[in-house]
N, C-alpha and C. Protein backbone atom coordinates (compact mmCIF):
# COMPACT_ATOMS: atom_id res chain seq x y z
N UNK A 1 279.87 -28.44 283.75
CA UNK A 1 278.89 -27.01 282.99
C UNK A 1 278.66 -28.14 281.36
N UNK A 2 277.48 -27.36 281.39
CA UNK A 2 276.98 -27.68 279.89
C UNK A 2 277.19 -26.71 279.09
N UNK A 3 276.84 -27.15 277.75
CA UNK A 3 276.28 -25.92 276.52
C UNK A 3 275.10 -25.42 276.25
N UNK A 4 273.89 -25.86 277.08
CA UNK A 4 272.97 -25.72 277.20
C UNK A 4 272.48 -25.45 278.03
N UNK A 5 270.74 -24.58 278.46
CA UNK A 5 270.29 -24.57 279.61
C UNK A 5 269.94 -26.07 280.15
N UNK A 6 269.14 -26.11 280.96
CA UNK A 6 268.29 -27.01 281.52
C UNK A 6 267.34 -27.57 281.17
N UNK A 7 266.80 -26.74 279.99
CA UNK A 7 265.85 -27.32 279.12
C UNK A 7 266.22 -28.30 277.82
N UNK A 8 267.69 -27.49 277.13
CA UNK A 8 268.32 -28.03 276.35
C UNK A 8 267.98 -27.28 275.31
N UNK A 9 267.63 -25.77 275.34
CA UNK A 9 267.66 -25.08 274.38
C UNK A 9 268.72 -24.41 274.04
N UNK A 10 269.24 -24.62 272.99
CA UNK A 10 270.66 -23.70 273.10
C UNK A 10 270.14 -22.03 273.00
N UNK A 11 271.09 -21.24 273.55
CA UNK A 11 271.09 -20.07 273.52
C UNK A 11 272.70 -19.15 273.15
N UNK A 12 272.49 -17.88 272.87
CA UNK A 12 273.70 -16.88 272.25
C UNK A 12 275.04 -17.79 273.05
N UNK A 13 274.95 -17.58 274.46
CA UNK A 13 276.13 -17.69 275.13
C UNK A 13 276.61 -19.04 274.53
N UNK A 14 275.15 -20.31 274.53
CA UNK A 14 275.87 -21.41 273.92
C UNK A 14 276.55 -21.39 272.63
N UNK A 15 276.23 -20.36 272.10
CA UNK A 15 277.27 -20.66 270.61
C UNK A 15 278.52 -20.02 271.20
N UNK A 16 278.81 -19.29 271.52
CA UNK A 16 279.69 -18.63 272.05
C UNK A 16 280.97 -19.47 272.76
N UNK A 17 280.62 -20.20 273.53
CA UNK A 17 281.06 -21.29 274.08
C UNK A 17 281.83 -22.48 273.13
N UNK A 18 280.72 -22.49 272.39
CA UNK A 18 281.76 -23.73 271.56
C UNK A 18 282.39 -22.89 270.41
N UNK A 19 282.29 -21.91 269.94
CA UNK A 19 282.88 -20.98 269.28
C UNK A 19 284.71 -21.11 269.74
N UNK A 20 284.39 -20.68 271.24
CA UNK A 20 285.50 -20.91 272.18
C UNK A 20 286.30 -21.94 272.17
N UNK A 21 285.57 -22.96 272.64
CA UNK A 21 286.22 -24.25 272.43
C UNK A 21 286.60 -25.07 271.07
N UNK A 22 285.80 -24.71 270.25
CA UNK A 22 286.65 -25.15 268.62
C UNK A 22 287.99 -24.24 268.34
N UNK A 23 287.95 -22.84 268.75
CA UNK A 23 289.37 -21.93 268.29
C UNK A 23 290.15 -22.26 269.43
N UNK A 24 290.26 -23.00 270.61
CA UNK A 24 290.73 -23.36 271.69
C UNK A 24 291.52 -24.87 270.84
N UNK A 25 290.67 -25.39 270.50
CA UNK A 25 291.41 -26.74 269.90
C UNK A 25 292.24 -26.56 268.80
N UNK A 26 291.51 -25.75 267.93
CA UNK A 26 292.07 -25.77 266.72
C UNK A 26 293.62 -24.49 266.87
N UNK A 27 293.71 -24.02 268.54
CA UNK A 27 294.92 -23.54 268.40
C UNK A 27 295.96 -24.12 269.05
N UNK A 28 295.17 -25.29 269.56
CA UNK A 28 296.18 -26.60 270.25
C UNK A 28 296.91 -27.54 269.16
N UNK A 29 296.15 -27.54 268.07
CA UNK A 29 296.45 -28.33 267.16
C UNK A 29 297.86 -28.24 266.23
N UNK A 30 298.23 -26.65 266.39
CA UNK A 30 299.22 -25.89 265.42
C UNK A 30 300.49 -24.79 266.25
N UNK A 31 301.51 -24.56 265.80
CA UNK A 31 302.13 -23.82 266.45
C UNK A 31 302.20 -23.14 264.96
N UNK A 32 302.27 -21.99 265.58
CA UNK A 32 302.68 -19.84 265.09
C UNK A 32 303.74 -19.60 265.37
N UNK A 33 304.39 -19.02 264.49
CA UNK A 33 305.23 -18.09 264.34
C UNK A 33 304.92 -17.00 265.90
N UNK A 34 305.64 -16.79 266.83
CA UNK A 34 305.32 -15.86 267.74
C UNK A 34 306.03 -14.43 266.95
N UNK A 35 304.97 -13.53 267.29
CA UNK A 35 305.31 -11.74 266.07
C UNK A 35 305.64 -10.62 267.45
N UNK A 36 304.91 -11.16 268.67
CA UNK A 36 305.71 -10.46 269.54
C UNK A 36 306.86 -10.77 270.65
N UNK A 37 307.81 -10.05 270.89
CA UNK A 37 308.71 -10.42 271.31
C UNK A 37 309.32 -9.38 271.95
N UNK A 38 309.90 -9.12 273.50
CA UNK A 38 310.69 -8.02 274.23
C UNK A 38 311.87 -7.83 273.64
N UNK A 39 313.02 -6.94 273.93
CA UNK A 39 314.35 -6.90 274.43
C UNK A 39 314.56 -5.83 275.12
N UNK A 40 314.25 -5.78 276.09
CA UNK A 40 314.90 -4.89 277.45
C UNK A 40 313.51 -3.88 277.58
N UNK A 41 314.10 -2.75 277.05
CA UNK A 41 312.69 -1.94 277.13
C UNK A 41 312.02 -1.80 275.61
N UNK A 42 312.72 -2.72 274.77
CA UNK A 42 312.19 -2.44 273.15
C UNK A 42 310.95 -3.69 272.83
N UNK A 43 309.89 -3.27 271.97
CA UNK A 43 309.51 -4.20 271.79
C UNK A 43 309.39 -4.54 270.48
N UNK A 44 308.94 -5.59 269.94
CA UNK A 44 309.69 -6.49 268.83
C UNK A 44 308.01 -6.73 268.14
N UNK A 45 307.54 -6.08 266.96
CA UNK A 45 306.30 -6.68 266.33
C UNK A 45 306.72 -6.91 264.70
N UNK A 46 306.63 -8.21 264.82
CA UNK A 46 307.06 -8.64 263.31
C UNK A 46 308.07 -8.15 263.12
N UNK A 47 308.09 -7.24 261.92
CA UNK A 47 309.79 -6.71 261.90
C UNK A 47 309.88 -5.24 262.04
N UNK A 48 308.50 -4.30 263.16
CA UNK A 48 308.92 -3.45 263.60
C UNK A 48 309.65 -3.39 264.92
N UNK A 49 310.26 -2.22 265.27
CA UNK A 49 311.26 -2.40 266.98
C UNK A 49 310.51 -1.24 267.09
N UNK A 50 310.24 -0.84 268.36
CA UNK A 50 310.67 0.44 269.11
C UNK A 50 310.01 0.44 270.92
N UNK A 51 310.66 1.89 271.53
CA UNK A 51 311.10 1.86 272.71
C UNK A 51 309.51 1.66 273.20
N UNK A 52 309.38 1.71 274.62
CA UNK A 52 308.49 1.82 275.73
C UNK A 52 308.20 3.31 275.64
N UNK A 53 309.17 4.28 275.32
CA UNK A 53 309.63 5.95 275.13
C UNK A 53 308.53 6.18 274.23
N UNK A 54 309.05 5.83 272.68
CA UNK A 54 308.54 5.82 271.17
C UNK A 54 306.39 5.69 271.47
N UNK A 55 306.56 4.20 272.15
CA UNK A 55 305.12 3.90 272.41
C UNK A 55 304.35 5.17 272.88
N UNK A 56 304.93 5.03 273.89
CA UNK A 56 304.44 6.74 274.72
C UNK A 56 304.15 7.88 274.22
N UNK A 57 304.97 8.24 273.73
CA UNK A 57 304.98 8.99 272.58
C UNK A 57 304.00 8.67 271.32
N UNK A 58 303.81 8.16 270.87
CA UNK A 58 303.05 7.93 270.19
C UNK A 58 301.11 8.16 270.64
N UNK A 59 301.27 7.54 271.96
CA UNK A 59 299.71 7.55 272.45
C UNK A 59 299.82 9.10 272.94
N UNK A 60 300.25 9.71 272.83
CA UNK A 60 300.33 11.35 273.68
C UNK A 60 299.54 12.06 272.15
N UNK A 61 300.90 11.46 271.59
CA UNK A 61 300.61 12.39 270.11
C UNK A 61 299.19 12.46 269.69
N UNK A 62 298.58 10.94 270.04
CA UNK A 62 296.43 10.66 269.46
C UNK A 62 296.46 11.18 270.37
N UNK A 63 296.53 11.06 271.42
CA UNK A 63 295.63 12.02 272.62
C UNK A 63 295.12 13.63 272.29
N UNK A 64 296.37 13.97 271.67
CA UNK A 64 296.16 15.41 271.57
C UNK A 64 295.65 15.86 270.34
N UNK A 65 296.25 15.06 269.51
CA UNK A 65 295.14 15.25 267.88
C UNK A 65 293.41 14.60 268.27
N UNK A 66 293.04 14.00 269.34
CA UNK A 66 291.58 13.37 269.66
C UNK A 66 291.49 14.72 270.02
N UNK A 67 291.90 15.49 271.11
CA UNK A 67 291.80 16.19 271.95
C UNK A 67 291.39 18.00 271.13
N UNK A 68 291.90 17.91 270.03
CA UNK A 68 291.74 19.08 269.05
C UNK A 68 290.50 18.59 268.32
N UNK A 69 290.50 17.62 267.40
CA UNK A 69 289.99 17.27 266.46
C UNK A 69 288.15 16.68 266.52
N UNK A 70 287.93 16.16 267.69
CA UNK A 70 287.14 16.13 268.48
C UNK A 70 285.87 16.92 268.90
N UNK A 71 286.61 18.23 269.25
CA UNK A 71 285.32 19.26 269.14
C UNK A 71 285.21 19.92 268.18
N UNK A 72 286.48 20.38 266.99
CA UNK A 72 286.55 20.65 266.07
C UNK A 72 285.67 20.23 264.64
N UNK A 73 286.15 18.81 264.69
CA UNK A 73 286.10 18.11 263.38
C UNK A 73 284.71 17.27 263.22
N UNK A 74 284.57 17.17 264.54
CA UNK A 74 283.18 15.93 265.27
C UNK A 74 281.78 16.89 266.02
N UNK A 75 282.24 17.64 266.93
CA UNK A 75 281.25 17.90 267.51
C UNK A 75 281.13 19.63 266.98
N UNK A 76 282.17 19.72 265.98
CA UNK A 76 281.84 21.22 264.99
C UNK A 76 281.51 22.30 266.13
N UNK A 77 282.37 22.40 267.28
CA UNK A 77 282.01 23.49 267.71
C UNK A 77 283.29 24.82 267.10
N UNK A 78 282.71 25.81 267.33
CA UNK A 78 283.35 27.18 267.33
C UNK A 78 284.90 27.43 268.02
N UNK A 79 285.99 27.18 267.42
CA UNK A 79 287.30 27.17 268.04
C UNK A 79 287.71 28.87 267.88
N UNK A 80 288.72 29.18 269.01
CA UNK A 80 289.58 30.25 268.78
C UNK A 80 291.01 29.53 268.38
N UNK A 81 292.13 30.45 268.41
CA UNK A 81 293.73 29.95 268.49
C UNK A 81 294.08 29.24 269.72
N UNK A 82 293.46 28.95 270.48
CA UNK A 82 293.96 28.57 272.01
C UNK A 82 292.78 27.49 271.84
N UNK A 83 291.92 26.78 271.02
CA UNK A 83 291.24 25.72 270.75
C UNK A 83 289.96 25.68 271.89
N UNK A 84 289.98 26.93 272.37
CA UNK A 84 288.94 27.22 273.28
C UNK A 84 287.51 27.28 272.45
N UNK A 85 286.27 27.11 273.04
CA UNK A 85 285.20 27.10 272.35
C UNK A 85 285.17 29.19 272.34
N UNK A 86 284.77 29.79 271.25
CA UNK A 86 284.79 30.92 271.20
C UNK A 86 283.04 31.35 271.91
N UNK A 87 283.41 32.51 272.60
CA UNK A 87 282.46 33.16 273.61
C UNK A 87 281.44 33.74 272.84
N UNK A 88 280.05 33.17 272.83
CA UNK A 88 278.84 33.41 272.04
C UNK A 88 278.44 32.60 271.28
N UNK A 89 279.51 31.72 271.47
CA UNK A 89 278.92 30.46 270.25
C UNK A 89 278.11 29.16 270.79
N UNK A 90 277.73 28.56 270.04
CA UNK A 90 277.03 27.28 270.79
C UNK A 90 277.46 26.34 271.74
N UNK A 91 277.99 26.14 273.15
CA UNK A 91 278.71 25.22 273.72
C UNK A 91 278.23 23.80 273.89
N UNK A 92 278.92 23.25 274.02
CA UNK A 92 278.33 21.72 274.47
C UNK A 92 277.40 21.66 275.68
N UNK A 93 275.98 21.05 275.52
CA UNK A 93 275.95 20.69 276.86
C UNK A 93 276.09 20.64 278.08
N UNK A 94 275.73 20.49 279.94
CA UNK A 94 276.44 19.84 280.97
C UNK A 94 276.43 18.63 280.72
N UNK A 95 277.35 18.02 281.16
CA UNK A 95 277.91 16.56 280.87
C UNK A 95 278.77 16.57 282.18
N UNK A 96 278.47 15.75 283.34
CA UNK A 96 279.21 15.31 284.90
C UNK A 96 279.75 13.72 284.68
N UNK A 97 280.60 13.32 284.08
CA UNK A 97 281.03 12.00 283.90
C UNK A 97 281.18 11.27 285.18
N UNK A 98 281.12 11.43 286.30
CA UNK A 98 281.40 11.24 287.42
C UNK A 98 279.77 10.61 287.89
N UNK A 99 278.96 11.66 287.35
CA UNK A 99 277.40 11.30 287.90
C UNK A 99 276.51 10.06 287.01
N UNK A 100 277.60 9.43 285.69
CA UNK A 100 276.85 8.60 284.65
C UNK A 100 276.87 7.14 285.54
N UNK A 101 275.90 6.81 285.50
CA UNK A 101 275.24 5.82 285.86
C UNK A 101 275.04 4.76 285.00
N UNK A 102 275.14 3.35 285.09
CA UNK A 102 274.60 2.40 284.10
C UNK A 102 273.21 1.23 284.77
N UNK A 103 272.70 0.42 283.86
CA UNK A 103 272.29 -0.73 284.85
C UNK A 103 272.06 -2.20 283.83
N UNK A 104 273.74 -2.69 284.49
CA UNK A 104 274.26 -3.83 283.58
C UNK A 104 273.25 -5.09 283.45
N UNK A 105 272.01 -4.92 284.38
CA UNK A 105 271.02 -6.01 284.53
C UNK A 105 269.98 -5.97 283.57
N UNK A 106 269.78 -4.27 283.22
CA UNK A 106 268.74 -4.81 282.10
C UNK A 106 268.50 -5.45 280.65
N UNK A 107 268.23 -6.14 279.89
CA UNK A 107 268.14 -6.74 279.02
C UNK A 107 267.10 -6.64 277.71
N UNK A 108 266.96 -5.20 277.98
CA UNK A 108 265.88 -4.73 276.93
C UNK A 108 266.75 -4.72 275.60
N UNK A 109 266.01 -5.14 274.03
CA UNK A 109 267.31 -4.64 273.17
C UNK A 109 267.02 -3.34 272.71
N UNK A 110 268.36 -2.86 272.31
CA UNK A 110 268.89 -1.42 272.64
C UNK A 110 268.91 -0.69 273.56
N UNK A 111 269.00 -1.37 274.96
CA UNK A 111 269.19 -0.61 276.21
C UNK A 111 270.96 -0.23 276.27
N UNK A 112 271.17 0.94 276.49
CA UNK A 112 272.41 1.29 277.10
C UNK A 112 272.30 2.45 278.06
N UNK A 113 273.45 2.66 278.90
CA UNK A 113 273.49 3.92 279.43
C UNK A 113 272.87 4.99 278.96
N UNK A 114 273.17 5.34 277.81
CA UNK A 114 272.41 6.36 277.32
C UNK A 114 271.10 6.84 277.67
N UNK A 115 269.64 5.40 277.62
CA UNK A 115 268.75 5.54 277.90
C UNK A 115 268.59 5.68 279.27
N UNK A 116 269.29 5.67 280.49
CA UNK A 116 269.39 5.71 281.94
C UNK A 116 268.46 6.87 282.23
N UNK A 117 267.50 6.76 283.12
CA UNK A 117 266.65 8.42 283.10
C UNK A 117 267.77 8.90 284.29
N UNK A 118 268.43 8.38 284.73
CA UNK A 118 269.28 9.24 285.70
C UNK A 118 270.36 9.90 285.69
N UNK A 119 270.87 9.72 283.96
CA UNK A 119 271.70 10.12 283.28
C UNK A 119 271.32 11.47 282.74
N UNK A 120 270.08 11.78 282.24
CA UNK A 120 269.78 13.00 282.02
C UNK A 120 270.58 13.45 280.46
N UNK A 121 270.45 12.42 279.68
CA UNK A 121 271.23 12.57 278.59
C UNK A 121 270.09 13.51 277.04
N UNK A 122 269.17 13.80 277.74
CA UNK A 122 267.95 13.84 276.69
C UNK A 122 268.78 14.70 276.42
N UNK A 123 269.01 15.68 276.17
CA UNK A 123 269.10 16.96 275.77
C UNK A 123 270.54 16.73 274.38
N UNK A 124 271.18 15.52 274.67
CA UNK A 124 272.31 15.02 274.08
C UNK A 124 271.86 14.27 272.41
N UNK A 125 270.77 14.07 272.79
CA UNK A 125 270.39 13.39 271.54
C UNK A 125 270.20 13.24 270.31
N UNK A 126 269.64 14.62 269.73
CA UNK A 126 269.91 15.47 268.95
C UNK A 126 270.41 16.58 268.47
N UNK A 127 271.30 16.99 269.81
CA UNK A 127 272.44 17.98 269.72
C UNK A 127 272.83 18.82 268.61
N UNK A 128 273.20 17.37 267.96
CA UNK A 128 274.19 18.10 266.84
C UNK A 128 273.80 18.13 265.33
N UNK A 129 272.21 17.39 265.71
CA UNK A 129 271.06 17.44 264.08
C UNK A 129 271.22 18.62 264.46
N UNK A 130 270.00 18.85 265.52
CA UNK A 130 269.71 20.14 265.63
C UNK A 130 270.39 21.56 265.23
N UNK A 131 271.72 21.69 265.78
CA UNK A 131 272.72 22.51 265.60
C UNK A 131 272.96 22.64 263.79
N UNK A 132 273.21 21.69 263.38
CA UNK A 132 273.57 21.79 261.72
C UNK A 132 272.12 22.14 260.84
N UNK A 133 271.24 21.74 261.52
CA UNK A 133 269.82 22.19 260.89
C UNK A 133 269.29 23.70 260.98
N UNK A 134 269.73 23.93 262.49
CA UNK A 134 270.06 25.71 262.85
C UNK A 134 270.34 26.57 262.76
N UNK A 135 271.92 26.05 262.48
CA UNK A 135 273.01 27.54 261.94
C UNK A 135 273.60 27.12 260.52
N UNK A 136 273.62 28.23 259.99
CA UNK A 136 273.51 28.12 258.75
C UNK A 136 274.69 28.07 258.46
N UNK A 137 275.99 28.13 259.39
CA UNK A 137 277.37 28.18 258.48
C UNK A 137 277.63 26.20 258.89
N UNK A 138 276.92 25.95 259.61
CA UNK A 138 277.05 24.26 259.92
C UNK A 138 276.45 23.99 258.80
N UNK A 139 275.00 24.35 258.46
CA UNK A 139 274.26 23.73 257.36
C UNK A 139 275.22 23.79 256.22
N UNK A 140 276.24 24.85 255.90
CA UNK A 140 276.75 24.84 254.22
C UNK A 140 278.16 23.61 254.58
N UNK A 141 278.66 24.09 255.63
CA UNK A 141 279.51 23.13 256.07
C UNK A 141 279.22 21.41 256.08
N UNK A 142 278.26 21.23 256.11
CA UNK A 142 277.67 19.41 256.18
C UNK A 142 277.55 19.77 254.20
N UNK A 143 277.09 20.54 253.86
CA UNK A 143 276.43 20.36 252.78
C UNK A 143 278.34 19.99 251.56
N UNK A 144 278.65 21.22 252.17
CA UNK A 144 279.95 21.18 251.28
C UNK A 144 281.35 20.07 251.54
N UNK A 145 281.09 19.55 253.03
CA UNK A 145 281.93 18.98 253.13
C UNK A 145 283.00 18.78 253.53
N UNK A 146 283.96 17.89 254.41
CA UNK A 146 285.07 18.12 255.04
C UNK A 146 286.20 18.07 254.20
N UNK A 147 285.84 18.12 253.18
CA UNK A 147 287.07 17.88 251.94
C UNK A 147 287.03 19.93 251.75
N UNK A 148 286.00 20.52 251.68
CA UNK A 148 285.78 21.48 251.04
C UNK A 148 285.47 21.95 249.49
N UNK A 149 284.61 20.18 249.35
CA UNK A 149 284.53 20.05 247.95
C UNK A 149 283.56 21.46 247.06
N UNK A 150 283.09 21.64 246.15
CA UNK A 150 281.62 22.37 245.90
C UNK A 150 280.53 21.19 246.04
N UNK A 151 279.62 22.28 246.23
CA UNK A 151 278.42 21.59 246.89
C UNK A 151 277.79 20.82 245.84
N UNK A 152 277.22 19.63 245.57
CA UNK A 152 276.20 19.00 244.70
C UNK A 152 275.55 19.44 244.42
N UNK A 153 275.06 19.18 243.09
CA UNK A 153 273.62 19.60 242.51
C UNK A 153 272.26 19.46 243.36
N UNK A 154 272.35 20.23 243.40
CA UNK A 154 270.40 20.36 243.96
C UNK A 154 269.83 19.13 243.21
N UNK A 155 268.99 18.63 244.18
CA UNK A 155 268.38 17.22 243.42
C UNK A 155 266.75 18.05 243.72
N UNK A 156 265.99 18.30 242.68
CA UNK A 156 264.69 18.88 242.88
C UNK A 156 263.35 17.63 243.11
């Protein structure tokens, strides 16, 4: 295997392979102290020690936090006490995760699965921006900020 294509022109892959080879050579030259160890069901990282149950509990807590904060603080949905979208308020556009497709062979700059025509994600592109512009409470919240500070002075 060579580190350039058949014409001798370097490519981005060539650069990554050279950096990987350099890092591998540097890693073999020196010993580093281990920072991760296992002791039965306990994981030891540097000076910290925790069990797998602790790790599982932390991940569950993070998932619950994201489940609540994503719709309220990122998507700016109006939620009731049970964390459901209030009837009569703006709901999320429909999205079926099982039907999303990608085209990994697409090499165009800026391409992503979000632009794939079969995914029909056009209604998501400016959904949040349109809501902030159109809905007065969201506009005020955007100006006021999440920390609820006073609105900045208007610039004329």
